[in-house]
Amino acid sequence: PPTHPLPSPHRSADEVVVAADAVVEGAVTLGAGCIVHPKAVLRATAGSALVLGRGCVVEELAVVESTAADGTMVLGAGNVVCVGAVVRDSSLGDNNLLRARCVLDSATLGDSCIIGASCLLPTGYVAPDRASIVGNPPVVATVHPAVAAVSATRHTALRDLLGSALPKFHHLRDDVATSTGS
């Protein structure tokens, strides 16, 4: 994939914003409009790949890691991985919200799920669309479609805010590959 330039603090919604002190290692591809905060880690170990869909946000100290040999970990569009969350060898649909310090290890999420703060999903956990999961052990409820729609709108507002604020207060990387349309 081509290198995506990050030339100025005035960015379109399709440009990728990656803080200079974020760690991006291995075969990592970011979709248009992704935002990666300072101290976040995106890593694909040897033989694996990591793909983040359009408009994903990875906040401070979050770790998103693909370690499966000969495998590709995919996060769909519009996912928000909050501060200190860990996502390893998992598959996420679109518009999911992973709250602070939650842990997903080889889990599968549908679309529009909310994972509560400090929630630990067991290895192999599968969540349907619009699941709201909290606690340890996890307790599941279903998110009403209207709430899911509001959440998606808030994700868009958050991306817009961070896309304009991060360049003003942090140095950015200009060496991160992006996909062309996801």
N, C-alpha and C. Protein backbone atom coordinates (compact mmCIF):
# COMPACT_ATOMS: atom_id res chain seq x y z
N PRO A 1 0.83 -1.20 0.00
CA PRO A 1 0.00 0.00 0.00
C PRO A 1 0.88 1.26 0.00
N PRO A 2 0.34 2.36 -0.52
CA PRO A 2 1.12 3.58 -0.59
C PRO A 2 1.30 4.22 0.78
N THR A 3 2.34 5.04 0.92
CA THR A 3 2.51 5.81 2.15
C THR A 3 1.55 6.98 2.08
N HIS A 4 0.86 7.23 3.17
CA HIS A 4 -0.15 8.28 3.21
C HIS A 4 0.47 9.54 3.82
N PRO A 5 0.55 10.65 3.09
CA PRO A 5 1.17 11.86 3.62
C PRO A 5 0.29 12.53 4.67
N LEU A 6 0.91 13.15 5.64
CA LEU A 6 0.21 13.90 6.68
C LEU A 6 0.79 15.32 6.69
N PRO A 7 0.47 16.15 5.69
CA PRO A 7 1.21 17.37 5.48
C PRO A 7 0.83 18.57 6.35
N SER A 8 -0.40 18.69 6.83
CA SER A 8 -0.77 19.92 7.51
C SER A 8 -1.82 19.65 8.57
N PRO A 9 -2.00 20.62 9.49
CA PRO A 9 -3.04 20.43 10.51
C PRO A 9 -4.45 20.54 9.95
N HIS A 10 -4.60 20.97 8.71
CA HIS A 10 -5.92 21.05 8.08
C HIS A 10 -6.10 19.79 7.26
N ARG A 11 -6.86 18.85 7.77
CA ARG A 11 -6.96 17.54 7.16
C ARG A 11 -8.38 17.23 6.73
N SER A 12 -8.48 16.44 5.68
CA SER A 12 -9.81 15.99 5.27
C SER A 12 -10.19 14.80 6.16
N ALA A 13 -11.45 14.44 6.13
CA ALA A 13 -11.93 13.31 6.94
C ALA A 13 -11.31 12.00 6.51
N ASP A 14 -10.75 11.94 5.30
CA ASP A 14 -10.16 10.70 4.80
C ASP A 14 -8.70 10.53 5.17
N GLU A 15 -8.06 11.56 5.68
CA GLU A 15 -6.65 11.45 6.01
C GLU A 15 -6.45 10.73 7.34
N VAL A 16 -5.36 10.01 7.42
CA VAL A 16 -5.01 9.27 8.62
C VAL A 16 -4.20 10.17 9.55
N VAL A 17 -4.49 10.11 10.86
CA VAL A 17 -3.74 10.87 11.84
C VAL A 17 -3.11 9.87 12.81
N VAL A 18 -1.78 9.83 12.84
CA VAL A 18 -1.05 8.91 13.71
C VAL A 18 -0.02 9.72 14.51
N ALA A 19 -0.14 9.70 15.82
CA ALA A 19 0.81 10.43 16.67
C ALA A 19 2.21 9.85 16.49
N ALA A 20 3.21 10.72 16.57
CA ALA A 20 4.60 10.31 16.35
C ALA A 20 5.05 9.26 17.36
N ASP A 21 4.54 9.32 18.58
CA ASP A 21 4.97 8.35 19.59
C ASP A 21 4.04 7.15 19.70
N ALA A 22 3.18 6.96 18.71
CA ALA A 22 2.42 5.71 18.61
C ALA A 22 3.36 4.65 18.02
N VAL A 23 3.14 3.40 18.39
CA VAL A 23 3.96 2.31 17.86
C VAL A 23 3.15 1.60 16.79
N VAL A 24 3.69 1.55 15.57
CA VAL A 24 3.06 0.85 14.47
C VAL A 24 4.12 -0.08 13.90
N GLU A 25 3.94 -1.40 14.12
CA GLU A 25 4.95 -2.38 13.72
C GLU A 25 4.36 -3.48 12.87
N GLY A 26 5.11 -3.91 11.86
CA GLY A 26 4.71 -5.03 11.03
C GLY A 26 3.74 -4.63 9.94
N ALA A 27 3.02 -5.62 9.43
CA ALA A 27 2.10 -5.42 8.30
C ALA A 27 0.78 -4.85 8.79
N VAL A 28 0.78 -3.53 9.06
CA VAL A 28 -0.39 -2.83 9.57
C VAL A 28 -0.91 -1.92 8.48
N THR A 29 -2.22 -2.00 8.18
CA THR A 29 -2.85 -1.15 7.19
C THR A 29 -4.01 -0.41 7.85
N LEU A 30 -4.02 0.92 7.67
CA LEU A 30 -5.06 1.76 8.25
C LEU A 30 -5.99 2.26 7.15
N GLY A 31 -7.28 2.15 7.40
CA GLY A 31 -8.26 2.69 6.47
C GLY A 31 -8.30 4.20 6.54
N ALA A 32 -8.90 4.81 5.56
CA ALA A 32 -9.03 6.26 5.51
C ALA A 32 -9.68 6.79 6.78
N GLY A 33 -9.18 7.91 7.29
CA GLY A 33 -9.78 8.56 8.43
C GLY A 33 -9.46 7.94 9.78
N CYS A 34 -8.56 6.98 9.85
CA CYS A 34 -8.18 6.40 11.15
C CYS A 34 -7.38 7.40 11.97
N ILE A 35 -7.51 7.29 13.29
CA ILE A 35 -6.78 8.16 14.21
C ILE A 35 -6.12 7.28 15.26
N VAL A 36 -4.81 7.44 15.44
CA VAL A 36 -4.05 6.65 16.40
C VAL A 36 -3.38 7.62 17.37
N HIS A 37 -3.74 7.52 18.64
CA HIS A 37 -3.27 8.44 19.68
C HIS A 37 -1.84 8.14 20.10
N PRO A 38 -1.25 9.09 20.85
CA PRO A 38 0.08 8.86 21.41
C PRO A 38 0.10 7.62 22.30
N LYS A 39 1.20 6.91 22.24
CA LYS A 39 1.45 5.71 23.07
C LYS A 39 0.54 4.53 22.75
N ALA A 40 -0.27 4.61 21.72
CA ALA A 40 -1.06 3.45 21.28
C ALA A 40 -0.12 2.51 20.54
N VAL A 41 -0.47 1.21 20.54
CA VAL A 41 0.36 0.21 19.88
C VAL A 41 -0.50 -0.56 18.87
N LEU A 42 -0.05 -0.56 17.62
CA LEU A 42 -0.65 -1.39 16.56
C LEU A 42 0.47 -2.29 16.09
N ARG A 43 0.28 -3.60 16.24
CA ARG A 43 1.38 -4.53 15.94
C ARG A 43 0.87 -5.77 15.23
N ALA A 44 1.60 -6.15 14.18
CA ALA A 44 1.38 -7.42 13.50
C ALA A 44 2.72 -8.16 13.54
N THR A 45 2.75 -9.27 14.26
CA THR A 45 4.00 -10.01 14.37
C THR A 45 4.27 -10.77 13.08
N ALA A 46 5.45 -11.33 12.96
CA ALA A 46 5.88 -12.00 11.73
C ALA A 46 4.84 -13.01 11.26
N GLY A 47 4.49 -12.92 9.99
CA GLY A 47 3.54 -13.86 9.40
C GLY A 47 2.09 -13.46 9.55
N SER A 48 1.81 -12.38 10.29
CA SER A 48 0.42 -11.95 10.47
C SER A 48 0.26 -10.55 9.89
N ALA A 49 -0.99 -10.12 9.79
CA ALA A 49 -1.30 -8.77 9.31
C ALA A 49 -2.43 -8.19 10.15
N LEU A 50 -2.49 -6.88 10.20
CA LEU A 50 -3.51 -6.17 10.95
C LEU A 50 -4.11 -5.11 10.03
N VAL A 51 -5.45 -5.12 9.90
CA VAL A 51 -6.14 -4.16 9.04
C VAL A 51 -7.22 -3.47 9.86
N LEU A 52 -7.14 -2.13 9.92
CA LEU A 52 -8.18 -1.34 10.57
C LEU A 52 -9.00 -0.67 9.48
N GLY A 53 -10.31 -0.81 9.57
CA GLY A 53 -11.20 -0.22 8.58
C GLY A 53 -11.29 1.28 8.69
N ARG A 54 -12.03 1.86 7.79
CA ARG A 54 -12.20 3.31 7.71
C ARG A 54 -12.67 3.89 9.04
N GLY A 55 -12.02 4.99 9.46
CA GLY A 55 -12.51 5.76 10.60
C GLY A 55 -12.35 5.15 11.97
N CYS A 56 -11.43 4.23 12.16
CA CYS A 56 -11.21 3.66 13.50
C CYS A 56 -10.40 4.64 14.34
N VAL A 57 -10.63 4.60 15.67
CA VAL A 57 -9.88 5.42 16.62
C VAL A 57 -9.25 4.48 17.64
N VAL A 58 -7.93 4.62 17.83
CA VAL A 58 -7.21 3.84 18.85
C VAL A 58 -6.61 4.85 19.81
N GLU A 59 -7.09 4.84 21.06
CA GLU A 59 -6.69 5.85 22.03
C GLU A 59 -5.39 5.48 22.76
N GLU A 60 -4.96 6.37 23.64
CA GLU A 60 -3.71 6.25 24.37
C GLU A 60 -3.61 4.90 25.09
N LEU A 61 -2.42 4.32 25.02
CA LEU A 61 -2.06 3.09 25.73
C LEU A 61 -2.86 1.87 25.31
N ALA A 62 -3.70 1.98 24.30
CA ALA A 62 -4.43 0.81 23.80
C ALA A 62 -3.46 -0.04 22.97
N VAL A 63 -3.68 -1.35 22.98
CA VAL A 63 -2.86 -2.27 22.21
C VAL A 63 -3.77 -3.08 21.29
N VAL A 64 -3.50 -3.04 20.00
CA VAL A 64 -4.22 -3.84 19.02
C VAL A 64 -3.16 -4.67 18.33
N GLU A 65 -3.26 -6.00 18.48
CA GLU A 65 -2.15 -6.86 18.07
C GLU A 65 -2.63 -8.12 17.37
N SER A 66 -2.01 -8.40 16.24
CA SER A 66 -2.25 -9.63 15.51
C SER A 66 -1.01 -10.51 15.65
N THR A 67 -1.18 -11.69 16.25
CA THR A 67 -0.03 -12.57 16.47
C THR A 67 -0.17 -13.92 15.77
N ALA A 68 -1.33 -14.18 15.18
CA ALA A 68 -1.57 -15.48 14.55
C ALA A 68 -0.74 -15.61 13.27
N ALA A 69 0.13 -16.61 13.21
CA ALA A 69 0.94 -16.83 12.02
C ALA A 69 0.04 -17.10 10.82
N ASP A 70 0.36 -16.51 9.70
CA ASP A 70 -0.40 -16.68 8.46
C ASP A 70 -1.85 -16.27 8.60
N GLY A 71 -2.11 -15.26 9.44
CA GLY A 71 -3.48 -14.79 9.62
C GLY A 71 -3.57 -13.29 9.52
N THR A 72 -4.78 -12.79 9.24
CA THR A 72 -5.02 -11.36 9.18
C THR A 72 -6.12 -11.01 10.16
N MET A 73 -5.83 -10.10 11.06
CA MET A 73 -6.81 -9.60 12.02
C MET A 73 -7.46 -8.36 11.41
N VAL A 74 -8.79 -8.33 11.39
CA VAL A 74 -9.51 -7.22 10.77
C VAL A 74 -10.44 -6.56 11.78
N LEU A 75 -10.32 -5.24 11.89
CA LEU A 75 -11.26 -4.43 12.63
C LEU A 75 -12.06 -3.68 11.58
N GLY A 76 -13.38 -3.78 11.63
CA GLY A 76 -14.23 -3.12 10.65
C GLY A 76 -14.17 -1.61 10.78
N ALA A 77 -15.03 -0.92 10.09
CA ALA A 77 -15.06 0.54 10.07
C ALA A 77 -15.65 1.12 11.35
N GLY A 78 -15.13 2.29 11.74
CA GLY A 78 -15.75 3.06 12.82
C GLY A 78 -15.59 2.52 14.22
N ASN A 79 -14.64 1.63 14.46
CA ASN A 79 -14.44 1.11 15.81
C ASN A 79 -13.64 2.09 16.66
N VAL A 80 -13.97 2.17 17.96
CA VAL A 80 -13.24 3.01 18.90
C VAL A 80 -12.68 2.10 19.99
N VAL A 81 -11.33 2.10 20.11
CA VAL A 81 -10.64 1.31 21.13
C VAL A 81 -10.13 2.32 22.15
N CYS A 82 -10.75 2.34 23.33
CA CYS A 82 -10.46 3.37 24.33
C CYS A 82 -9.16 3.11 25.09
N VAL A 83 -8.83 4.04 25.96
CA VAL A 83 -7.57 4.07 26.69
C VAL A 83 -7.28 2.73 27.39
N GLY A 84 -6.11 2.17 27.10
CA GLY A 84 -5.64 0.99 27.80
C GLY A 84 -6.32 -0.32 27.43
N ALA A 85 -7.20 -0.31 26.46
CA ALA A 85 -7.86 -1.55 26.04
C ALA A 85 -6.85 -2.42 25.29
N VAL A 86 -7.05 -3.74 25.35
CA VAL A 86 -6.18 -4.68 24.65
C VAL A 86 -7.05 -5.55 23.75
N VAL A 87 -6.70 -5.58 22.45
CA VAL A 87 -7.42 -6.39 21.48
C VAL A 87 -6.38 -7.24 20.76
N ARG A 88 -6.45 -8.54 20.96
CA ARG A 88 -5.45 -9.44 20.39
C ARG A 88 -6.14 -10.56 19.61
N ASP A 89 -5.72 -10.74 18.36
CA ASP A 89 -6.19 -11.84 17.52
C ASP A 89 -7.71 -11.96 17.51
N SER A 90 -8.37 -10.82 17.39
CA SER A 90 -9.83 -10.78 17.42
C SER A 90 -10.37 -10.23 16.10
N SER A 91 -11.67 -10.42 15.88
CA SER A 91 -12.34 -9.93 14.69
C SER A 91 -13.48 -9.02 15.13
N LEU A 92 -13.50 -7.78 14.62
CA LEU A 92 -14.54 -6.84 14.99
C LEU A 92 -15.31 -6.40 13.76
N GLY A 93 -16.61 -6.33 13.91
CA GLY A 93 -17.46 -5.77 12.85
C GLY A 93 -17.30 -4.26 12.84
N ASP A 94 -18.36 -3.54 12.50
CA ASP A 94 -18.32 -2.08 12.40
C ASP A 94 -18.92 -1.41 13.62
N ASN A 95 -18.41 -0.20 13.91
CA ASN A 95 -18.98 0.71 14.91
C ASN A 95 -19.07 0.13 16.31
N ASN A 96 -18.04 -0.56 16.74
CA ASN A 96 -17.99 -1.07 18.11
C ASN A 96 -17.26 -0.09 19.01
N LEU A 97 -17.63 -0.09 20.28
CA LEU A 97 -16.99 0.77 21.28
C LEU A 97 -16.40 -0.12 22.36
N LEU A 98 -15.08 -0.10 22.48
CA LEU A 98 -14.38 -0.89 23.48
C LEU A 98 -13.88 0.07 24.55
N ARG A 99 -14.50 0.04 25.71
CA ARG A 99 -14.21 0.98 26.79
C ARG A 99 -12.83 0.72 27.41
N ALA A 100 -12.43 1.64 28.27
CA ALA A 100 -11.09 1.62 28.87
C ALA A 100 -10.77 0.29 29.55
N ARG A 101 -9.56 -0.19 29.29
CA ARG A 101 -8.96 -1.36 29.93
C ARG A 101 -9.73 -2.66 29.73
N CYS A 102 -10.61 -2.74 28.74
CA CYS A 102 -11.24 -4.03 28.44
C CYS A 102 -10.22 -4.89 27.69
N VAL A 103 -10.42 -6.20 27.72
CA VAL A 103 -9.49 -7.13 27.08
C VAL A 103 -10.26 -8.11 26.21
N LEU A 104 -9.88 -8.18 24.93
CA LEU A 104 -10.44 -9.16 23.99
C LEU A 104 -9.28 -9.99 23.47
N ASP A 105 -9.35 -11.29 23.65
CA ASP A 105 -8.29 -12.18 23.18
C ASP A 105 -8.95 -13.26 22.35
N SER A 106 -8.74 -13.22 21.05
CA SER A 106 -9.36 -14.18 20.12
C SER A 106 -10.88 -14.16 20.22
N ALA A 107 -11.44 -12.97 20.32
CA ALA A 107 -12.89 -12.80 20.39
C ALA A 107 -13.42 -12.33 19.04
N THR A 108 -14.73 -12.48 18.86
CA THR A 108 -15.40 -12.02 17.64
C THR A 108 -16.59 -11.16 18.04
N LEU A 109 -16.62 -9.92 17.51
CA LEU A 109 -17.73 -9.02 17.78
C LEU A 109 -18.48 -8.75 16.48
N GLY A 110 -19.79 -8.66 16.58
CA GLY A 110 -20.60 -8.24 15.44
C GLY A 110 -20.49 -6.74 15.28
N ASP A 111 -21.55 -6.10 14.81
CA ASP A 111 -21.58 -4.64 14.62
C ASP A 111 -22.24 -3.96 15.82
N SER A 112 -21.82 -2.72 16.08
CA SER A 112 -22.45 -1.84 17.08
C SER A 112 -22.48 -2.43 18.48
N CYS A 113 -21.41 -3.11 18.88
CA CYS A 113 -21.31 -3.66 20.24
C CYS A 113 -20.63 -2.65 21.15
N ILE A 114 -20.95 -2.75 22.44
CA ILE A 114 -20.29 -1.93 23.46
C ILE A 114 -19.71 -2.89 24.48
N ILE A 115 -18.40 -2.79 24.70
CA ILE A 115 -17.71 -3.61 25.70
C ILE A 115 -17.34 -2.69 26.85
N GLY A 116 -17.80 -3.01 28.05
CA GLY A 116 -17.61 -2.15 29.20
C GLY A 116 -16.18 -2.06 29.68
N ALA A 117 -15.91 -1.03 30.47
CA ALA A 117 -14.58 -0.80 31.03
C ALA A 117 -14.15 -2.00 31.86
N SER A 118 -12.91 -2.41 31.70
CA SER A 118 -12.28 -3.50 32.44
C SER A 118 -12.95 -4.86 32.24
N CYS A 119 -13.80 -4.98 31.23
CA CYS A 119 -14.45 -6.24 30.92
C CYS A 119 -13.45 -7.17 30.25
N LEU A 120 -13.41 -8.41 30.66
CA LEU A 120 -12.52 -9.41 30.08
C LEU A 120 -13.36 -10.45 29.35
N LEU A 121 -13.22 -10.48 28.01
CA LEU A 121 -13.95 -11.48 27.24
C LEU A 121 -13.08 -12.72 27.13
N PRO A 122 -13.62 -13.88 27.47
CA PRO A 122 -12.82 -15.11 27.41
C PRO A 122 -12.38 -15.44 25.98
N THR A 123 -11.30 -16.17 25.87
CA THR A 123 -10.79 -16.60 24.57
C THR A 123 -11.90 -17.31 23.80
N GLY A 124 -12.08 -16.93 22.54
CA GLY A 124 -13.10 -17.54 21.69
C GLY A 124 -14.49 -16.97 21.84
N TYR A 125 -14.67 -15.93 22.65
CA TYR A 125 -15.99 -15.34 22.88
C TYR A 125 -16.55 -14.79 21.57
N VAL A 126 -17.85 -15.01 21.32
CA VAL A 126 -18.52 -14.49 20.13
C VAL A 126 -19.71 -13.66 20.59
N ALA A 127 -19.72 -12.39 20.15
CA ALA A 127 -20.82 -11.48 20.51
C ALA A 127 -21.62 -11.13 19.27
N PRO A 128 -22.95 -11.19 19.35
CA PRO A 128 -23.79 -10.85 18.20
C PRO A 128 -23.83 -9.33 17.99
N ASP A 129 -24.43 -8.90 16.90
CA ASP A 129 -24.62 -7.46 16.66
C ASP A 129 -25.36 -6.83 17.84
N ARG A 130 -24.98 -5.58 18.14
CA ARG A 130 -25.63 -4.75 19.16
C ARG A 130 -25.59 -5.35 20.56
N ALA A 131 -24.55 -6.08 20.88
CA ALA A 131 -24.41 -6.61 22.24
C ALA A 131 -23.76 -5.55 23.13
N SER A 132 -24.27 -5.42 24.34
CA SER A 132 -23.65 -4.58 25.36
C SER A 132 -23.14 -5.53 26.43
N ILE A 133 -21.83 -5.55 26.62
CA ILE A 133 -21.23 -6.55 27.50
C ILE A 133 -20.46 -5.83 28.61
N VAL A 134 -20.79 -6.17 29.85
CA VAL A 134 -20.13 -5.56 31.00
C VAL A 134 -19.80 -6.63 32.02
N GLY A 135 -18.89 -6.28 32.91
CA GLY A 135 -18.59 -7.15 34.04
C GLY A 135 -17.58 -8.23 33.75
N ASN A 136 -17.26 -8.93 34.83
CA ASN A 136 -16.30 -10.01 34.76
C ASN A 136 -16.72 -11.07 35.77
N PRO A 137 -17.37 -12.16 35.39
CA PRO A 137 -17.58 -12.64 34.03
C PRO A 137 -18.57 -11.74 33.27
N PRO A 138 -18.50 -11.78 31.94
CA PRO A 138 -19.32 -10.88 31.13
C PRO A 138 -20.81 -11.17 31.22
N VAL A 139 -21.57 -10.08 31.30
CA VAL A 139 -23.02 -10.12 31.27
C VAL A 139 -23.45 -9.40 30.00
N VAL A 140 -24.38 -9.99 29.24
CA VAL A 140 -24.74 -9.47 27.92
C VAL A 140 -26.17 -8.94 27.92
N ALA A 141 -26.34 -7.78 27.30
CA ALA A 141 -27.67 -7.22 27.01
C ALA A 141 -27.65 -6.81 25.54
N THR A 142 -28.80 -6.45 25.00
CA THR A 142 -28.86 -6.01 23.61
C THR A 142 -29.07 -4.51 23.55
N VAL A 143 -28.28 -3.84 22.72
CA VAL A 143 -28.39 -2.40 22.53
C VAL A 143 -29.55 -2.13 21.58
N HIS A 144 -30.45 -1.25 21.97
CA HIS A 144 -31.57 -0.88 21.12
C HIS A 144 -31.04 -0.21 19.85
N PRO A 145 -31.65 -0.48 18.68
CA PRO A 145 -31.16 0.11 17.43
C PRO A 145 -31.02 1.63 17.45
N ALA A 146 -31.92 2.32 18.16
CA ALA A 146 -31.85 3.78 18.24
C ALA A 146 -30.58 4.21 18.99
N VAL A 147 -30.23 3.48 20.04
CA VAL A 147 -29.01 3.79 20.80
C VAL A 147 -27.78 3.51 19.93
N ALA A 148 -27.81 2.44 19.16
CA ALA A 148 -26.69 2.12 18.26
C ALA A 148 -26.50 3.23 17.24
N ALA A 149 -27.59 3.81 16.73
CA ALA A 149 -27.50 4.89 15.76
C ALA A 149 -26.89 6.14 16.38
N VAL A 150 -27.28 6.47 17.60
CA VAL A 150 -26.71 7.62 18.31
C VAL A 150 -25.23 7.39 18.56
N SER A 151 -24.86 6.18 18.93
CA SER A 151 -23.46 5.85 19.18
C SER A 151 -22.63 6.05 17.92
N ALA A 152 -23.13 5.63 16.76
CA ALA A 152 -22.41 5.81 15.50
C ALA A 152 -22.22 7.29 15.20
N THR A 153 -23.22 8.12 15.50
CA THR A 153 -23.12 9.57 15.29
C THR A 153 -22.05 10.15 16.21
N ARG A 154 -21.99 9.68 17.44
CA ARG A 154 -20.97 10.16 18.38
C ARG A 154 -19.58 9.74 17.94
N HIS A 155 -19.44 8.55 17.37
CA HIS A 155 -18.13 8.10 16.86
C HIS A 155 -17.64 9.08 15.79
N THR A 156 -18.55 9.49 14.91
CA THR A 156 -18.19 10.41 13.84
C THR A 156 -17.75 11.75 14.42
N ALA A 157 -18.48 12.26 15.41
CA ALA A 157 -18.12 13.53 16.05
C ALA A 157 -16.76 13.42 16.75
N LEU A 158 -16.50 12.29 17.40
CA LEU A 158 -15.23 12.07 18.08
C LEU A 158 -14.08 12.06 17.07
N ARG A 159 -14.25 11.35 15.95
CA ARG A 159 -13.22 11.32 14.92
C ARG A 159 -12.93 12.71 14.39
N ASP A 160 -13.97 13.50 14.15
CA ASP A 160 -13.79 14.86 13.65
C ASP A 160 -13.02 15.71 14.65
N LEU A 161 -13.38 15.62 15.91
CA LEU A 161 -12.70 16.39 16.96
C LEU A 161 -11.23 16.00 17.06
N LEU A 162 -10.98 14.69 17.15
CA LEU A 162 -9.60 14.23 17.31
C LEU A 162 -8.76 14.48 16.07
N GLY A 163 -9.37 14.34 14.92
CA GLY A 163 -8.65 14.58 13.68
C GLY A 163 -8.16 16.01 13.56
N SER A 164 -8.87 16.95 14.18
CA SER A 164 -8.44 18.35 14.13
C SER A 164 -7.58 18.71 15.35
N ALA A 165 -7.82 18.08 16.51
CA ALA A 165 -7.09 18.45 17.73
C ALA A 165 -5.71 17.81 17.83
N LEU A 166 -5.59 16.54 17.49
CA LEU A 166 -4.29 15.87 17.65
C LEU A 166 -3.16 16.56 16.89
N PRO A 167 -3.37 16.99 15.66
CA PRO A 167 -2.26 17.65 14.94
C PRO A 167 -1.82 18.97 15.59
N LYS A 168 -2.71 19.59 16.34
CA LYS A 168 -2.36 20.86 16.99
C LYS A 168 -1.47 20.66 18.21
N PHE A 169 -1.56 19.49 18.85
CA PHE A 169 -0.88 19.30 20.12
C PHE A 169 0.13 18.16 20.14
N HIS A 170 0.24 17.40 19.05
CA HIS A 170 1.16 16.27 18.99
C HIS A 170 1.89 16.25 17.65
N HIS A 171 3.12 15.76 17.67
CA HIS A 171 3.82 15.49 16.43
C HIS A 171 3.18 14.27 15.79
N LEU A 172 3.16 14.24 14.47
CA LEU A 172 2.51 13.15 13.75
C LEU A 172 3.51 12.38 12.92
N ARG A 173 3.17 11.12 12.65
CA ARG A 173 3.98 10.28 11.75
C ARG A 173 3.54 10.52 10.32
N ASP A 174 4.48 10.33 9.41
CA ASP A 174 4.13 10.45 8.00
C ASP A 174 4.54 9.21 7.22
N ASP A 175 4.78 8.12 7.94
CA ASP A 175 5.29 6.90 7.30
C ASP A 175 4.35 5.72 7.45
N VAL A 176 3.06 5.97 7.63
CA VAL A 176 2.11 4.88 7.89
C VAL A 176 1.32 4.58 6.64
N ALA A 177 1.27 3.29 6.28
CA ALA A 177 0.53 2.86 5.09
C ALA A 177 -0.96 2.88 5.36
N THR A 178 -1.73 3.20 4.33
CA THR A 178 -3.18 3.15 4.44
C THR A 178 -3.74 2.37 3.28
N SER A 179 -4.95 1.89 3.47
CA SER A 179 -5.64 1.26 2.34
C SER A 179 -6.29 2.36 1.53
N THR A 180 -6.81 2.04 0.38
CA THR A 180 -7.33 3.07 -0.49
C THR A 180 -8.82 3.33 -0.34
N GLY A 181 -9.59 2.43 0.24
CA GLY A 181 -11.02 2.73 0.29
C GLY A 181 -11.76 2.14 1.45
N SER A 182 -11.15 1.37 2.34
CA SER A 182 -11.94 0.73 3.38
C SER A 182 -12.14 1.60 4.58
